[in-house]
Amino acid sequence: MSDVILGKVTRVVDGDTFDVNVTHYHKANTYQYNDAERIRIADANAPEMGSISGILAKSRLEKEIDGRVVKLVIQSRDTFHRLVCNVNLG
């Protein structure tokens, strides 16, 4: 079973990365998590912010999740210390 956390999206960084304030932790989690985490959406690869496509991808993600509560099913932590997660709107 994967670890699960819930939290409110506080900032969209780009088309596949955002910040969240963690509000709930699943009781069966294996690891501990910070109150604020940076999330990388698993299996997503948005264009970089230096391009029009990157700006549009960020805008699209902001419309979908900014300020909303999300459920995060954690796959791993990457080399940039972001949590790589499957994201579900709560």
N, C-alpha and C. Protein backbone atom coordinates (compact mmCIF):
# COMPACT_ATOMS: atom_id res chain seq x y z
N MET A 1 0.84 -1.19 0.00
CA MET A 1 0.00 0.00 0.00
C MET A 1 0.88 1.25 0.00
N SER A 2 0.51 2.23 -0.79
CA SER A 2 1.25 3.49 -0.86
C SER A 2 0.80 4.42 0.25
N ASP A 3 1.71 5.31 0.66
CA ASP A 3 1.35 6.35 1.63
C ASP A 3 0.38 7.32 0.97
N VAL A 4 -0.50 7.91 1.80
CA VAL A 4 -1.50 8.84 1.32
C VAL A 4 -1.54 10.06 2.24
N ILE A 5 -1.56 11.25 1.63
CA ILE A 5 -1.75 12.49 2.38
C ILE A 5 -2.81 13.32 1.68
N LEU A 6 -3.42 14.24 2.42
CA LEU A 6 -4.37 15.19 1.85
C LEU A 6 -3.91 16.59 2.20
N GLY A 7 -4.19 17.53 1.31
CA GLY A 7 -3.82 18.90 1.60
C GLY A 7 -4.39 19.88 0.60
N LYS A 8 -4.23 21.15 0.93
CA LYS A 8 -4.73 22.23 0.08
C LYS A 8 -3.60 22.77 -0.79
N VAL A 9 -3.87 22.89 -2.06
CA VAL A 9 -2.88 23.43 -3.01
C VAL A 9 -2.73 24.93 -2.74
N THR A 10 -1.48 25.34 -2.51
CA THR A 10 -1.21 26.75 -2.20
C THR A 10 -0.56 27.50 -3.35
N ARG A 11 0.08 26.77 -4.25
CA ARG A 11 0.79 27.44 -5.37
C ARG A 11 1.06 26.42 -6.47
N VAL A 12 0.80 26.81 -7.70
CA VAL A 12 1.18 26.00 -8.85
C VAL A 12 2.49 26.57 -9.37
N VAL A 13 3.50 25.72 -9.45
CA VAL A 13 4.84 26.13 -9.87
C VAL A 13 4.96 26.11 -11.39
N ASP A 14 4.49 25.03 -11.99
CA ASP A 14 4.49 24.90 -13.45
C ASP A 14 3.43 23.87 -13.82
N GLY A 15 3.46 23.35 -15.03
CA GLY A 15 2.40 22.47 -15.50
C GLY A 15 2.35 21.10 -14.87
N ASP A 16 3.37 20.71 -14.10
CA ASP A 16 3.34 19.39 -13.46
C ASP A 16 3.86 19.41 -12.03
N THR A 17 3.97 20.60 -11.43
CA THR A 17 4.50 20.73 -10.07
C THR A 17 3.70 21.78 -9.30
N PHE A 18 3.41 21.47 -8.03
CA PHE A 18 2.67 22.41 -7.20
C PHE A 18 3.03 22.21 -5.74
N ASP A 19 2.68 23.21 -4.91
CA ASP A 19 2.92 23.16 -3.47
C ASP A 19 1.60 22.88 -2.75
N VAL A 20 1.69 22.17 -1.63
CA VAL A 20 0.50 21.82 -0.88
C VAL A 20 0.79 21.95 0.62
N ASN A 21 -0.20 22.45 1.37
CA ASN A 21 -0.15 22.41 2.83
C ASN A 21 -0.85 21.14 3.25
N VAL A 22 -0.11 20.24 3.86
CA VAL A 22 -0.65 18.93 4.24
C VAL A 22 -1.56 19.10 5.45
N THR A 23 -2.78 18.56 5.35
CA THR A 23 -3.76 18.66 6.43
C THR A 23 -4.08 17.33 7.08
N HIS A 24 -3.94 16.24 6.33
CA HIS A 24 -4.27 14.91 6.86
C HIS A 24 -3.24 13.89 6.39
N TYR A 25 -2.94 12.97 7.27
CA TYR A 25 -2.00 11.87 6.98
C TYR A 25 -2.74 10.56 7.19
N HIS A 26 -2.59 9.62 6.29
CA HIS A 26 -3.20 8.31 6.46
C HIS A 26 -2.52 7.61 7.64
N LYS A 27 -3.29 6.98 8.48
CA LYS A 27 -2.75 6.35 9.70
C LYS A 27 -1.75 5.24 9.40
N ALA A 28 -1.89 4.59 8.25
CA ALA A 28 -1.01 3.47 7.91
C ALA A 28 0.23 3.89 7.12
N ASN A 29 0.49 5.20 6.99
CA ASN A 29 1.67 5.65 6.24
C ASN A 29 2.94 5.07 6.83
N THR A 30 3.88 4.76 5.96
CA THR A 30 5.18 4.24 6.36
C THR A 30 6.12 5.37 6.76
N TYR A 31 6.03 6.51 6.08
CA TYR A 31 6.95 7.62 6.29
C TYR A 31 6.24 8.83 6.87
N GLN A 32 7.03 9.77 7.39
CA GLN A 32 6.48 11.04 7.87
C GLN A 32 6.70 12.10 6.79
N TYR A 33 5.81 13.10 6.79
CA TYR A 33 5.87 14.14 5.77
C TYR A 33 5.83 15.51 6.42
N ASN A 34 6.34 16.50 5.71
CA ASN A 34 6.36 17.88 6.19
C ASN A 34 4.96 18.48 6.13
N ASP A 35 4.75 19.57 6.86
CA ASP A 35 3.46 20.26 6.81
C ASP A 35 3.23 20.92 5.45
N ALA A 36 4.30 21.26 4.77
CA ALA A 36 4.23 21.80 3.41
C ALA A 36 5.15 20.96 2.54
N GLU A 37 4.64 20.54 1.39
CA GLU A 37 5.42 19.71 0.48
C GLU A 37 5.28 20.22 -0.95
N ARG A 38 6.31 20.00 -1.75
CA ARG A 38 6.25 20.28 -3.19
C ARG A 38 5.95 18.95 -3.87
N ILE A 39 4.98 18.98 -4.77
CA ILE A 39 4.48 17.77 -5.42
C ILE A 39 4.79 17.80 -6.91
N ARG A 40 5.26 16.68 -7.41
CA ARG A 40 5.45 16.47 -8.85
C ARG A 40 4.41 15.43 -9.26
N ILE A 41 3.59 15.74 -10.24
CA ILE A 41 2.55 14.82 -10.68
C ILE A 41 3.19 13.64 -11.39
N ALA A 42 2.87 12.43 -10.91
CA ALA A 42 3.43 11.21 -11.49
C ALA A 42 2.99 11.06 -12.94
N ASP A 43 3.89 10.58 -13.77
CA ASP A 43 3.61 10.28 -15.18
C ASP A 43 3.17 11.49 -15.98
N ALA A 44 3.56 12.69 -15.54
CA ALA A 44 3.26 13.91 -16.29
C ALA A 44 4.58 14.58 -16.66
N ASN A 45 4.60 15.18 -17.81
CA ASN A 45 5.80 15.89 -18.26
C ASN A 45 5.36 17.12 -19.04
N ALA A 46 5.13 18.22 -18.33
CA ALA A 46 4.68 19.46 -18.95
C ALA A 46 5.87 20.20 -19.57
N PRO A 47 5.60 21.03 -20.57
CA PRO A 47 6.66 21.85 -21.16
C PRO A 47 7.25 22.81 -20.12
N GLU A 48 8.49 23.20 -20.34
CA GLU A 48 9.17 24.11 -19.42
C GLU A 48 8.55 25.50 -19.47
N MET A 49 8.73 26.24 -18.36
CA MET A 49 8.09 27.56 -18.23
C MET A 49 8.64 28.61 -19.21
N GLY A 50 9.75 28.39 -19.81
CA GLY A 50 10.32 29.36 -20.74
C GLY A 50 9.61 29.42 -22.08
N SER A 51 8.59 28.58 -22.26
CA SER A 51 7.88 28.54 -23.54
C SER A 51 6.41 28.90 -23.34
N ILE A 52 5.77 29.26 -24.42
CA ILE A 52 4.32 29.55 -24.38
C ILE A 52 3.56 28.30 -23.93
N SER A 53 3.97 27.14 -24.42
CA SER A 53 3.31 25.89 -24.02
C SER A 53 3.42 25.66 -22.52
N GLY A 54 4.56 26.00 -21.94
CA GLY A 54 4.75 25.85 -20.50
C GLY A 54 3.85 26.77 -19.71
N ILE A 55 3.72 28.00 -20.17
CA ILE A 55 2.84 28.98 -19.50
C ILE A 55 1.39 28.51 -19.58
N LEU A 56 0.99 27.99 -20.74
CA LEU A 56 -0.38 27.49 -20.89
C LEU A 56 -0.63 26.27 -20.01
N ALA A 57 0.37 25.39 -19.90
CA ALA A 57 0.22 24.21 -19.05
C ALA A 57 0.06 24.61 -17.59
N LYS A 58 0.83 25.59 -17.13
CA LYS A 58 0.71 26.08 -15.76
C LYS A 58 -0.68 26.68 -15.53
N SER A 59 -1.14 27.49 -16.46
CA SER A 59 -2.45 28.12 -16.36
C SER A 59 -3.56 27.07 -16.28
N ARG A 60 -3.44 26.04 -17.09
CA ARG A 60 -4.43 24.95 -17.09
C ARG A 60 -4.47 24.24 -15.73
N LEU A 61 -3.29 23.96 -15.18
CA LEU A 61 -3.23 23.28 -13.89
C LEU A 61 -3.77 24.18 -12.77
N GLU A 62 -3.45 25.48 -12.84
CA GLU A 62 -3.98 26.42 -11.84
C GLU A 62 -5.51 26.40 -11.83
N LYS A 63 -6.12 26.40 -13.00
CA LYS A 63 -7.58 26.38 -13.09
C LYS A 63 -8.16 25.10 -12.49
N GLU A 64 -7.44 24.01 -12.62
CA GLU A 64 -7.92 22.71 -12.11
C GLU A 64 -7.77 22.56 -10.60
N ILE A 65 -6.61 22.98 -10.04
CA ILE A 65 -6.35 22.58 -8.65
C ILE A 65 -6.02 23.70 -7.68
N ASP A 66 -5.70 24.92 -8.14
CA ASP A 66 -5.26 25.97 -7.22
C ASP A 66 -6.32 26.25 -6.16
N GLY A 67 -5.93 26.15 -4.89
CA GLY A 67 -6.83 26.41 -3.78
C GLY A 67 -7.71 25.24 -3.40
N ARG A 68 -7.61 24.14 -4.10
CA ARG A 68 -8.46 22.97 -3.84
C ARG A 68 -7.75 21.97 -2.94
N VAL A 69 -8.53 21.11 -2.32
CA VAL A 69 -7.99 20.02 -1.51
C VAL A 69 -7.76 18.83 -2.44
N VAL A 70 -6.56 18.24 -2.34
CA VAL A 70 -6.21 17.09 -3.17
C VAL A 70 -5.80 15.92 -2.29
N LYS A 71 -6.06 14.73 -2.81
CA LYS A 71 -5.59 13.49 -2.19
C LYS A 71 -4.37 13.05 -2.98
N LEU A 72 -3.27 12.80 -2.29
CA LEU A 72 -2.00 12.46 -2.93
C LEU A 72 -1.58 11.05 -2.56
N VAL A 73 -1.46 10.19 -3.55
CA VAL A 73 -0.97 8.83 -3.36
C VAL A 73 0.50 8.85 -3.77
N ILE A 74 1.36 8.67 -2.78
CA ILE A 74 2.79 8.92 -2.97
C ILE A 74 3.49 7.71 -3.58
N GLN A 75 4.25 7.97 -4.65
CA GLN A 75 5.05 6.92 -5.30
C GLN A 75 6.50 6.95 -4.81
N SER A 76 7.05 8.16 -4.68
CA SER A 76 8.47 8.28 -4.30
C SER A 76 8.79 9.73 -3.98
N ARG A 77 10.05 9.98 -3.67
CA ARG A 77 10.57 11.34 -3.54
C ARG A 77 11.71 11.44 -4.56
N ASP A 78 11.69 12.49 -5.40
CA ASP A 78 12.68 12.60 -6.47
C ASP A 78 13.96 13.29 -6.00
N THR A 79 14.90 13.48 -6.91
CA THR A 79 16.19 14.06 -6.57
C THR A 79 16.10 15.52 -6.14
N PHE A 80 14.98 16.17 -6.45
CA PHE A 80 14.75 17.55 -6.03
C PHE A 80 13.94 17.61 -4.73
N HIS A 81 13.76 16.47 -4.08
CA HIS A 81 13.03 16.32 -2.81
C HIS A 81 11.54 16.56 -2.94
N ARG A 82 11.02 16.53 -4.16
CA ARG A 82 9.57 16.64 -4.36
C ARG A 82 8.95 15.25 -4.18
N LEU A 83 7.70 15.23 -3.70
CA LEU A 83 6.97 13.98 -3.66
C LEU A 83 6.38 13.74 -5.04
N VAL A 84 6.60 12.55 -5.58
CA VAL A 84 6.02 12.17 -6.85
C VAL A 84 4.74 11.41 -6.53
N CYS A 85 3.60 11.95 -6.99
CA CYS A 85 2.30 11.44 -6.54
C CYS A 85 1.29 11.31 -7.68
N ASN A 86 0.36 10.39 -7.47
CA ASN A 86 -0.89 10.40 -8.22
C ASN A 86 -1.79 11.38 -7.49
N VAL A 87 -2.46 12.24 -8.23
CA VAL A 87 -3.24 13.32 -7.64
C VAL A 87 -4.72 13.10 -7.92
N ASN A 88 -5.52 13.16 -6.85
CA ASN A 88 -6.97 13.06 -6.97
C ASN A 88 -7.60 14.28 -6.34
N LEU A 89 -8.57 14.88 -7.02
CA LEU A 89 -9.26 16.03 -6.46
C LEU A 89 -10.18 15.55 -5.35
N GLY A 90 -10.12 16.23 -4.19
CA GLY A 90 -10.93 15.83 -3.05
C GLY A 90 -12.13 16.68 -2.99
